[in-house]
């Protein structure tokens, strides 16, 4: 199974959103530089295999959710296939597009970065599954003892310091 992740995320304020640039990785290898200017417009993709490849034809959804043939690099075609595999958003009745998939990767990356900082200095927990996330500064205290006190008052509490994928836990997914 192909896995897409990002690295080298740089962010700043844009006119409407947070602007960013990052490198898109497929199975740990760089395949594309992605930029977003924070203006509400589309993301810009610069495929790293564009200089020395034979272009391929593949299918992509257009803005009307119709399948249309397009030409691009092999890495672009692989990413388009990955995007097509994403489930339809039931709430908004939308199929995923390239921007939505990269945007979700950026959101996850930022949540995991924030979580890593919190884990070093705070006890992080939820009182109930799916509930709000709470943090308590440790200030030299032991996290285990602090969580046992919380667990005695809130039996459903979940200690997030021990969750392997804390970014996902903080996002509630």
N, C-alpha and C. Protein backbone atom coordinates (compact mmCIF):
# COMPACT_ATOMS: atom_id res chain seq x y z
N UNK A 1 0.84 -1.19 0.00
CA UNK A 1 0.00 0.00 0.00
C UNK A 1 0.89 1.25 0.00
N UNK A 2 0.59 2.17 -0.85
CA UNK A 2 1.35 3.41 -0.97
C UNK A 2 0.96 4.37 0.15
N UNK A 3 1.97 4.98 0.76
CA UNK A 3 1.73 5.93 1.84
C UNK A 3 2.29 7.29 1.43
N UNK A 4 1.46 8.32 1.57
CA UNK A 4 1.91 9.69 1.31
C UNK A 4 2.05 10.42 2.64
N UNK A 5 3.15 11.15 2.77
CA UNK A 5 3.41 11.98 3.94
C UNK A 5 4.04 13.28 3.44
N UNK A 6 4.31 14.20 4.36
CA UNK A 6 5.00 15.43 3.98
C UNK A 6 6.18 15.67 4.92
N UNK A 7 7.11 16.50 4.48
CA UNK A 7 8.20 16.96 5.33
C UNK A 7 8.55 18.38 4.89
N UNK A 8 9.47 18.99 5.60
CA UNK A 8 9.94 20.36 5.30
C UNK A 8 8.79 21.37 5.26
N UNK A 9 7.83 21.24 6.16
CA UNK A 9 6.69 22.17 6.18
C UNK A 9 7.13 23.52 6.71
N UNK A 10 6.88 24.54 5.94
CA UNK A 10 7.12 25.94 6.34
C UNK A 10 5.79 26.67 6.20
N UNK A 11 5.42 27.43 7.22
CA UNK A 11 4.14 28.14 7.18
C UNK A 11 4.33 29.62 7.50
N UNK A 12 3.37 30.41 7.06
CA UNK A 12 3.30 31.83 7.42
C UNK A 12 1.87 32.30 7.17
N UNK A 13 1.56 33.50 7.61
CA UNK A 13 0.21 34.04 7.38
C UNK A 13 0.04 34.42 5.92
N UNK A 14 -1.11 34.05 5.38
CA UNK A 14 -1.48 34.47 4.05
C UNK A 14 -2.60 35.49 4.14
N UNK A 15 -3.11 35.93 2.99
CA UNK A 15 -4.20 36.92 3.00
C UNK A 15 -5.49 36.34 3.56
N UNK A 16 -5.77 35.05 3.29
CA UNK A 16 -7.01 34.44 3.77
C UNK A 16 -6.78 33.26 4.70
N UNK A 17 -5.74 32.49 4.46
CA UNK A 17 -5.44 31.28 5.22
C UNK A 17 -3.97 31.29 5.61
N UNK A 18 -3.56 30.17 6.19
CA UNK A 18 -2.16 29.95 6.46
C UNK A 18 -1.48 29.51 5.16
N UNK A 19 -0.47 30.25 4.72
CA UNK A 19 0.30 29.86 3.54
C UNK A 19 1.31 28.80 3.95
N UNK A 20 1.71 27.94 3.01
CA UNK A 20 2.71 26.93 3.35
C UNK A 20 3.45 26.45 2.11
N UNK A 21 4.57 25.80 2.37
CA UNK A 21 5.28 25.03 1.36
C UNK A 21 5.75 23.76 2.04
N UNK A 22 5.80 22.66 1.30
CA UNK A 22 6.24 21.39 1.86
C UNK A 22 6.68 20.47 0.73
N UNK A 23 7.28 19.37 1.12
CA UNK A 23 7.65 18.33 0.17
C UNK A 23 6.72 17.15 0.39
N UNK A 24 6.10 16.68 -0.68
CA UNK A 24 5.23 15.50 -0.63
C UNK A 24 6.09 14.26 -0.85
N UNK A 25 5.93 13.26 0.02
CA UNK A 25 6.70 12.03 -0.08
C UNK A 25 5.78 10.86 -0.38
N UNK A 26 6.24 9.97 -1.24
CA UNK A 26 5.52 8.70 -1.49
C UNK A 26 6.42 7.59 -0.98
N UNK A 27 5.94 6.87 0.01
CA UNK A 27 6.72 5.81 0.66
C UNK A 27 8.10 6.32 1.09
N UNK A 28 8.13 7.55 1.62
CA UNK A 28 9.36 8.11 2.17
C UNK A 28 10.28 8.79 1.17
N UNK A 29 9.92 8.78 -0.12
CA UNK A 29 10.77 9.39 -1.14
C UNK A 29 10.11 10.67 -1.67
N UNK A 30 10.87 11.77 -1.80
CA UNK A 30 10.30 13.03 -2.30
C UNK A 30 9.79 12.88 -3.74
N UNK A 31 8.55 13.35 -3.97
CA UNK A 31 7.98 13.27 -5.31
C UNK A 31 7.48 14.62 -5.82
N UNK A 32 7.25 15.58 -4.91
CA UNK A 32 6.64 16.83 -5.34
C UNK A 32 6.88 17.93 -4.31
N UNK A 33 7.08 19.14 -4.80
CA UNK A 33 7.09 20.32 -3.93
C UNK A 33 5.72 20.96 -4.05
N UNK A 34 5.11 21.27 -2.92
CA UNK A 34 3.76 21.84 -2.90
C UNK A 34 3.82 23.21 -2.24
N UNK A 35 3.14 24.18 -2.85
CA UNK A 35 3.07 25.52 -2.29
C UNK A 35 1.62 25.99 -2.29
N UNK A 36 1.29 26.75 -1.24
CA UNK A 36 -0.03 27.37 -1.16
C UNK A 36 0.19 28.78 -0.64
N UNK A 37 -0.31 29.77 -1.35
CA UNK A 37 -0.07 31.16 -1.00
C UNK A 37 -0.98 31.73 0.06
N UNK A 38 -1.95 30.96 0.55
CA UNK A 38 -2.84 31.47 1.59
C UNK A 38 -3.84 32.49 1.09
N UNK A 39 -4.13 32.46 -0.21
CA UNK A 39 -5.03 33.44 -0.81
C UNK A 39 -6.41 32.87 -1.14
N UNK A 40 -6.62 31.61 -0.81
CA UNK A 40 -7.90 30.98 -1.15
C UNK A 40 -7.87 30.31 -2.50
N UNK A 41 -6.78 30.42 -3.23
CA UNK A 41 -6.65 29.79 -4.55
C UNK A 41 -6.15 28.37 -4.43
N UNK A 42 -5.86 27.75 -5.58
CA UNK A 42 -5.41 26.35 -5.57
C UNK A 42 -3.95 26.22 -5.10
N UNK A 43 -3.60 25.00 -4.71
CA UNK A 43 -2.21 24.69 -4.37
C UNK A 43 -1.42 24.58 -5.67
N UNK A 44 -0.11 24.81 -5.59
CA UNK A 44 0.78 24.63 -6.74
C UNK A 44 1.65 23.40 -6.51
N UNK A 45 1.64 22.49 -7.48
CA UNK A 45 2.40 21.25 -7.40
C UNK A 45 3.52 21.29 -8.43
N UNK A 46 4.76 21.03 -7.98
CA UNK A 46 5.90 20.91 -8.89
C UNK A 46 6.43 19.49 -8.74
N UNK A 47 6.09 18.65 -9.73
CA UNK A 47 6.45 17.24 -9.68
C UNK A 47 7.94 17.09 -9.97
N UNK A 48 8.65 16.40 -9.10
CA UNK A 48 10.10 16.30 -9.20
C UNK A 48 10.57 15.42 -10.34
N UNK A 49 9.68 14.58 -10.88
CA UNK A 49 10.06 13.73 -12.01
C UNK A 49 9.74 14.37 -13.36
N UNK A 50 9.33 15.63 -13.37
CA UNK A 50 8.89 16.29 -14.61
C UNK A 50 10.02 16.49 -15.62
N UNK A 51 11.24 16.68 -15.14
CA UNK A 51 12.35 17.00 -16.05
C UNK A 51 12.80 15.81 -16.89
N UNK A 52 12.67 14.62 -16.37
CA UNK A 52 13.23 13.46 -17.09
C UNK A 52 12.27 12.28 -17.10
N UNK A 53 11.09 12.48 -17.61
CA UNK A 53 10.13 11.37 -17.66
C UNK A 53 9.32 11.45 -18.95
N UNK A 54 8.69 10.34 -19.26
CA UNK A 54 7.74 10.28 -20.35
C UNK A 54 6.38 10.54 -19.75
N UNK A 55 5.64 11.50 -20.30
CA UNK A 55 4.32 11.82 -19.77
C UNK A 55 3.36 10.66 -19.99
N UNK A 56 2.43 10.49 -19.06
CA UNK A 56 1.45 9.42 -19.14
C UNK A 56 0.05 10.03 -19.10
N UNK A 57 -0.91 9.28 -19.61
CA UNK A 57 -2.30 9.72 -19.57
C UNK A 57 -3.00 8.96 -18.46
N UNK A 58 -3.85 9.68 -17.70
CA UNK A 58 -4.59 9.07 -16.60
C UNK A 58 -5.90 9.81 -16.44
N UNK A 59 -6.75 9.26 -15.56
CA UNK A 59 -8.08 9.84 -15.32
C UNK A 59 -8.06 10.68 -14.05
N UNK A 60 -8.84 11.75 -14.08
CA UNK A 60 -8.97 12.63 -12.92
C UNK A 60 -10.40 13.19 -12.92
N UNK A 61 -10.91 13.52 -11.73
CA UNK A 61 -12.23 14.15 -11.65
C UNK A 61 -12.10 15.64 -11.91
N UNK A 62 -13.01 16.19 -12.70
CA UNK A 62 -13.03 17.64 -12.88
C UNK A 62 -13.97 18.27 -11.85
N UNK A 63 -14.18 19.55 -11.96
CA UNK A 63 -15.00 20.26 -10.97
C UNK A 63 -16.46 19.83 -10.98
N UNK A 64 -16.91 19.13 -12.04
CA UNK A 64 -18.28 18.63 -12.11
C UNK A 64 -18.37 17.17 -11.64
N UNK A 65 -17.29 16.63 -11.07
CA UNK A 65 -17.18 15.23 -10.66
C UNK A 65 -17.27 14.27 -11.84
N UNK A 66 -16.86 14.74 -13.02
CA UNK A 66 -16.80 13.88 -14.20
C UNK A 66 -15.37 13.40 -14.39
N UNK A 67 -15.22 12.16 -14.83
CA UNK A 67 -13.89 11.62 -15.12
C UNK A 67 -13.42 12.14 -16.47
N UNK A 68 -12.22 12.73 -16.48
CA UNK A 68 -11.66 13.27 -17.71
C UNK A 68 -10.22 12.79 -17.86
N UNK A 69 -9.77 12.56 -19.10
CA UNK A 69 -8.38 12.16 -19.31
C UNK A 69 -7.46 13.38 -19.20
N UNK A 70 -6.33 13.21 -18.53
CA UNK A 70 -5.31 14.26 -18.41
C UNK A 70 -3.95 13.64 -18.66
N UNK A 71 -2.98 14.48 -18.94
CA UNK A 71 -1.61 14.03 -19.15
C UNK A 71 -0.73 14.64 -18.08
N UNK A 72 0.17 13.84 -17.52
CA UNK A 72 1.09 14.32 -16.50
C UNK A 72 2.23 13.37 -16.28
N UNK A 73 2.98 13.60 -15.24
CA UNK A 73 4.13 12.76 -14.93
C UNK A 73 3.66 11.46 -14.28
N UNK A 74 4.49 10.42 -14.26
CA UNK A 74 4.11 9.18 -13.57
C UNK A 74 3.80 9.40 -12.08
N UNK A 75 4.56 10.27 -11.42
CA UNK A 75 4.28 10.54 -10.00
C UNK A 75 2.95 11.26 -9.83
N UNK A 76 2.65 12.16 -10.74
CA UNK A 76 1.36 12.86 -10.70
C UNK A 76 0.22 11.86 -10.89
N UNK A 77 0.41 10.91 -11.80
CA UNK A 77 -0.60 9.88 -12.05
C UNK A 77 -0.79 9.00 -10.81
N UNK A 78 0.32 8.65 -10.15
CA UNK A 78 0.23 7.81 -8.94
C UNK A 78 -0.52 8.56 -7.83
N UNK A 79 -0.23 9.85 -7.68
CA UNK A 79 -0.92 10.63 -6.65
C UNK A 79 -2.39 10.79 -7.00
N UNK A 80 -2.70 11.00 -8.27
CA UNK A 80 -4.10 11.12 -8.70
C UNK A 80 -4.86 9.83 -8.38
N UNK A 81 -4.21 8.68 -8.57
CA UNK A 81 -4.85 7.40 -8.24
C UNK A 81 -5.09 7.31 -6.73
N UNK A 82 -4.13 7.78 -5.95
CA UNK A 82 -4.29 7.80 -4.48
C UNK A 82 -5.48 8.70 -4.09
N UNK A 83 -5.58 9.86 -4.71
CA UNK A 83 -6.67 10.79 -4.41
C UNK A 83 -8.02 10.15 -4.77
N UNK A 84 -8.06 9.43 -5.88
CA UNK A 84 -9.31 8.78 -6.31
C UNK A 84 -9.75 7.70 -5.32
N UNK A 85 -8.81 7.12 -4.57
CA UNK A 85 -9.13 6.08 -3.60
C UNK A 85 -9.75 6.64 -2.32
N UNK A 86 -9.66 7.93 -2.11
CA UNK A 86 -10.17 8.54 -0.88
C UNK A 86 -11.70 8.50 -0.88
N UNK A 87 -12.30 8.24 0.28
CA UNK A 87 -13.77 8.17 0.34
C UNK A 87 -14.41 9.54 0.11
N UNK A 88 -15.63 9.48 -0.40
CA UNK A 88 -16.39 10.71 -0.62
C UNK A 88 -16.80 11.30 0.73
N UNK A 89 -16.68 12.61 0.86
CA UNK A 89 -17.10 13.30 2.08
C UNK A 89 -18.62 13.36 2.07
N UNK A 90 -19.25 12.63 2.97
CA UNK A 90 -20.71 12.54 3.02
C UNK A 90 -21.32 13.86 3.45
N UNK A 91 -20.71 14.53 4.43
CA UNK A 91 -21.27 15.77 4.95
C UNK A 91 -21.39 16.85 3.87
N UNK A 92 -20.34 16.99 3.06
CA UNK A 92 -20.34 18.03 2.03
C UNK A 92 -20.62 17.49 0.63
N UNK A 93 -20.83 16.18 0.50
CA UNK A 93 -21.09 15.53 -0.78
C UNK A 93 -19.99 15.86 -1.78
N UNK A 94 -18.73 15.69 -1.36
CA UNK A 94 -17.57 16.01 -2.20
C UNK A 94 -16.63 14.83 -2.31
N UNK A 95 -16.07 14.65 -3.50
CA UNK A 95 -14.95 13.73 -3.66
C UNK A 95 -13.68 14.51 -3.31
N UNK A 96 -12.68 13.81 -2.82
CA UNK A 96 -11.41 14.46 -2.49
C UNK A 96 -10.73 14.94 -3.76
N UNK A 97 -9.95 16.02 -3.62
CA UNK A 97 -9.08 16.46 -4.70
C UNK A 97 -7.67 16.57 -4.15
N UNK A 98 -6.71 16.89 -5.01
CA UNK A 98 -5.30 16.95 -4.59
C UNK A 98 -5.11 17.90 -3.42
N UNK A 99 -5.73 19.08 -3.48
CA UNK A 99 -5.57 20.08 -2.43
C UNK A 99 -6.10 19.56 -1.09
N UNK A 100 -7.24 18.89 -1.11
CA UNK A 100 -7.83 18.38 0.13
C UNK A 100 -6.94 17.31 0.77
N UNK A 101 -6.36 16.44 -0.05
CA UNK A 101 -5.50 15.38 0.48
C UNK A 101 -4.23 15.96 1.07
N UNK A 102 -3.59 16.90 0.37
CA UNK A 102 -2.38 17.53 0.92
C UNK A 102 -2.73 18.37 2.14
N UNK A 103 -3.85 19.07 2.10
CA UNK A 103 -4.29 19.86 3.25
C UNK A 103 -4.46 19.00 4.50
N UNK A 104 -5.01 17.80 4.34
CA UNK A 104 -5.16 16.88 5.47
C UNK A 104 -3.80 16.42 5.98
N UNK A 105 -2.84 16.20 5.08
CA UNK A 105 -1.48 15.82 5.50
C UNK A 105 -0.82 16.95 6.27
N UNK A 106 -1.02 18.19 5.83
CA UNK A 106 -0.46 19.36 6.54
C UNK A 106 -1.08 19.47 7.93
N UNK A 107 -2.39 19.31 8.01
CA UNK A 107 -3.09 19.38 9.30
C UNK A 107 -2.57 18.33 10.27
N UNK A 108 -2.40 17.12 9.76
CA UNK A 108 -1.89 16.02 10.59
C UNK A 108 -0.45 16.29 11.04
N UNK A 109 0.39 16.76 10.13
CA UNK A 109 1.79 17.06 10.44
C UNK A 109 1.87 18.10 11.55
N UNK A 110 1.07 19.15 11.44
CA UNK A 110 1.08 20.21 12.46
C UNK A 110 0.57 19.69 13.80
N UNK A 111 -0.45 18.85 13.79
CA UNK A 111 -0.98 18.29 15.03
C UNK A 111 0.06 17.39 15.71
N UNK A 112 0.77 16.59 14.93
CA UNK A 112 1.78 15.71 15.50
C UNK A 112 2.96 16.51 16.05
N UNK A 113 3.32 17.60 15.38
CA UNK A 113 4.40 18.46 15.87
C UNK A 113 3.99 19.11 17.21
N UNK A 114 2.77 19.60 17.26
CA UNK A 114 2.26 20.21 18.50
C UNK A 114 2.22 19.17 19.61
N UNK A 115 1.77 17.97 19.27
CA UNK A 115 1.67 16.90 20.26
C UNK A 115 3.04 16.54 20.82
N UNK A 116 4.04 16.46 19.96
CA UNK A 116 5.39 16.11 20.41
C UNK A 116 5.91 17.14 21.42
N UNK A 117 5.62 18.42 21.19
CA UNK A 117 6.03 19.46 22.14
C UNK A 117 5.30 19.30 23.47
N UNK A 118 3.99 19.05 23.41
CA UNK A 118 3.19 18.91 24.63
C UNK A 118 3.63 17.71 25.48
N UNK A 119 3.96 16.61 24.82
CA UNK A 119 4.30 15.40 25.56
C UNK A 119 5.52 15.56 26.45
N UNK A 120 6.40 16.46 26.08
CA UNK A 120 7.62 16.65 26.85
C UNK A 120 7.37 17.35 28.18
N UNK A 121 6.35 18.18 28.26
CA UNK A 121 6.18 19.02 29.44
C UNK A 121 4.80 18.95 30.09
N UNK A 122 3.88 18.21 29.49
CA UNK A 122 2.50 18.20 30.00
C UNK A 122 1.93 16.79 30.07
N UNK A 123 1.00 16.62 31.00
CA UNK A 123 0.15 15.44 31.02
C UNK A 123 -1.00 15.79 30.07
N UNK A 124 -1.25 14.93 29.08
CA UNK A 124 -2.27 15.20 28.06
C UNK A 124 -3.33 14.10 28.16
N UNK A 125 -4.60 14.49 28.31
CA UNK A 125 -5.66 13.49 28.47
C UNK A 125 -7.00 14.01 27.96
N UNK A 126 -7.91 13.05 27.78
CA UNK A 126 -9.32 13.33 27.48
C UNK A 126 -10.14 12.73 28.60
N UNK A 127 -11.15 13.46 29.07
CA UNK A 127 -12.01 12.91 30.12
C UNK A 127 -12.91 11.82 29.58
N UNK A 128 -13.41 11.98 28.37
CA UNK A 128 -14.26 10.97 27.74
C UNK A 128 -13.81 10.81 26.29
N UNK A 129 -14.00 9.60 25.71
CA UNK A 129 -13.61 9.40 24.31
C UNK A 129 -14.29 10.43 23.40
N UNK A 130 -13.50 11.06 22.55
CA UNK A 130 -14.03 12.07 21.64
C UNK A 130 -14.24 13.43 22.26
N UNK A 131 -13.98 13.56 23.56
CA UNK A 131 -14.18 14.83 24.25
C UNK A 131 -13.01 15.78 24.06
N UNK A 132 -13.06 16.87 24.78
CA UNK A 132 -12.00 17.88 24.69
C UNK A 132 -10.69 17.32 25.22
N UNK A 133 -9.58 17.84 24.70
CA UNK A 133 -8.25 17.46 25.15
C UNK A 133 -7.80 18.45 26.22
N UNK A 134 -7.30 17.94 27.33
CA UNK A 134 -6.82 18.76 28.44
C UNK A 134 -5.33 18.54 28.63
N UNK A 135 -4.64 19.58 29.08
CA UNK A 135 -3.22 19.45 29.39
C UNK A 135 -2.96 20.04 30.77
N UNK A 136 -2.05 19.41 31.48
CA UNK A 136 -1.63 19.88 32.80
C UNK A 136 -0.11 19.93 32.80
N UNK A 137 0.48 21.08 33.09
CA UNK A 137 1.95 21.14 33.15
C UNK A 137 2.48 20.18 34.21
N UNK A 138 3.52 19.44 33.89
CA UNK A 138 4.07 18.47 34.83
C UNK A 138 4.90 19.14 35.92
N UNK A 139 5.71 20.11 35.59
CA UNK A 139 6.53 20.85 36.57
C UNK A 139 7.24 19.90 37.53
N UNK A 140 7.90 18.89 36.98
CA UNK A 140 8.67 17.97 37.81
C UNK A 140 7.87 16.80 38.37
N UNK A 141 6.54 16.81 38.25
CA UNK A 141 5.72 15.71 38.75
C UNK A 141 5.78 14.53 37.79
N UNK A 142 5.44 13.37 38.26
CA UNK A 142 5.38 12.17 37.42
C UNK A 142 4.03 12.12 36.71
N UNK A 143 4.07 11.90 35.40
CA UNK A 143 2.84 11.85 34.60
C UNK A 143 1.93 10.71 35.03
N UNK A 144 2.51 9.55 35.35
CA UNK A 144 1.71 8.38 35.72
C UNK A 144 0.86 8.67 36.97
N UNK A 145 1.48 9.25 37.98
CA UNK A 145 0.75 9.55 39.22
C UNK A 145 -0.36 10.57 38.98
N UNK A 146 -0.07 11.57 38.15
CA UNK A 146 -1.09 12.58 37.82
C UNK A 146 -2.25 11.97 37.09
N UNK A 147 -1.98 11.05 36.17
CA UNK A 147 -3.07 10.43 35.42
C UNK A 147 -3.91 9.53 36.32
N UNK A 148 -3.29 8.85 37.25
CA UNK A 148 -4.06 7.98 38.16
C UNK A 148 -5.05 8.81 38.99
N UNK A 149 -4.66 10.02 39.37
CA UNK A 149 -5.60 10.90 40.09
C UNK A 149 -6.77 11.28 39.19
N UNK A 150 -6.48 11.61 37.96
CA UNK A 150 -7.54 11.97 37.00
C UNK A 150 -8.45 10.77 36.76
N UNK A 151 -7.86 9.60 36.57
CA UNK A 151 -8.63 8.38 36.29
C UNK A 151 -9.55 8.04 37.45
N UNK A 152 -9.16 8.35 38.69
CA UNK A 152 -10.02 8.07 39.84
C UNK A 152 -11.29 8.93 39.80
N UNK A 153 -11.19 10.14 39.25
CA UNK A 153 -12.35 11.03 39.15
C UNK A 153 -13.12 10.86 37.84
N UNK A 154 -12.41 10.44 36.79
CA UNK A 154 -13.02 10.29 35.46
C UNK A 154 -12.62 8.92 34.90
N UNK A 155 -13.39 7.88 35.22
CA UNK A 155 -13.01 6.51 34.84
C UNK A 155 -12.83 6.30 33.33
N UNK A 156 -13.49 7.09 32.48
CA UNK A 156 -13.35 6.92 31.04
C UNK A 156 -12.17 7.70 30.46
N UNK A 157 -11.43 8.40 31.30
CA UNK A 157 -10.34 9.25 30.81
C UNK A 157 -9.32 8.43 30.02
N UNK A 158 -8.80 9.06 28.99
CA UNK A 158 -7.80 8.43 28.12
C UNK A 158 -6.51 9.23 28.24
N UNK A 159 -5.44 8.57 28.61
CA UNK A 159 -4.14 9.20 28.78
C UNK A 159 -3.46 9.26 27.42
N UNK A 160 -3.38 10.43 26.82
CA UNK A 160 -2.88 10.56 25.46
C UNK A 160 -1.36 10.53 25.37
N UNK A 161 -0.66 10.71 26.47
CA UNK A 161 0.80 10.62 26.43
C UNK A 161 1.25 9.24 25.98
N UNK A 162 0.43 8.23 26.16
CA UNK A 162 0.80 6.86 25.82
C UNK A 162 0.27 6.42 24.45
N UNK A 163 -0.41 7.29 23.74
CA UNK A 163 -0.98 6.94 22.44
C UNK A 163 0.11 7.08 21.38
N UNK A 164 0.38 6.01 20.59
CA UNK A 164 1.45 6.09 19.60
C UNK A 164 1.25 7.19 18.56
N UNK A 165 0.04 7.42 18.10
CA UNK A 165 -0.23 8.43 17.08
C UNK A 165 -1.02 9.56 17.71
N UNK A 166 -0.35 10.37 18.52
CA UNK A 166 -1.04 11.41 19.28
C UNK A 166 -1.64 12.49 18.39
N UNK A 167 -1.01 12.78 17.25
CA UNK A 167 -1.56 13.80 16.34
C UNK A 167 -2.97 13.42 15.91
N UNK A 168 -3.18 12.15 15.58
CA UNK A 168 -4.50 11.69 15.18
C UNK A 168 -5.46 11.77 16.36
N UNK A 169 -4.98 11.43 17.56
CA UNK A 169 -5.83 11.49 18.74
C UNK A 169 -6.28 12.92 19.01
N UNK A 170 -5.36 13.88 18.85
CA UNK A 170 -5.71 15.29 19.09
C UNK A 170 -6.70 15.80 18.05
N UNK A 171 -6.57 15.31 16.82
CA UNK A 171 -7.50 15.73 15.78
C UNK A 171 -8.84 15.03 15.92
N UNK A 172 -8.89 13.99 16.72
CA UNK A 172 -10.17 13.28 16.93
C UNK A 172 -10.52 12.35 15.82
N UNK A 173 -9.52 11.88 15.06
CA UNK A 173 -9.80 10.97 13.94
C UNK A 173 -9.29 9.60 14.23
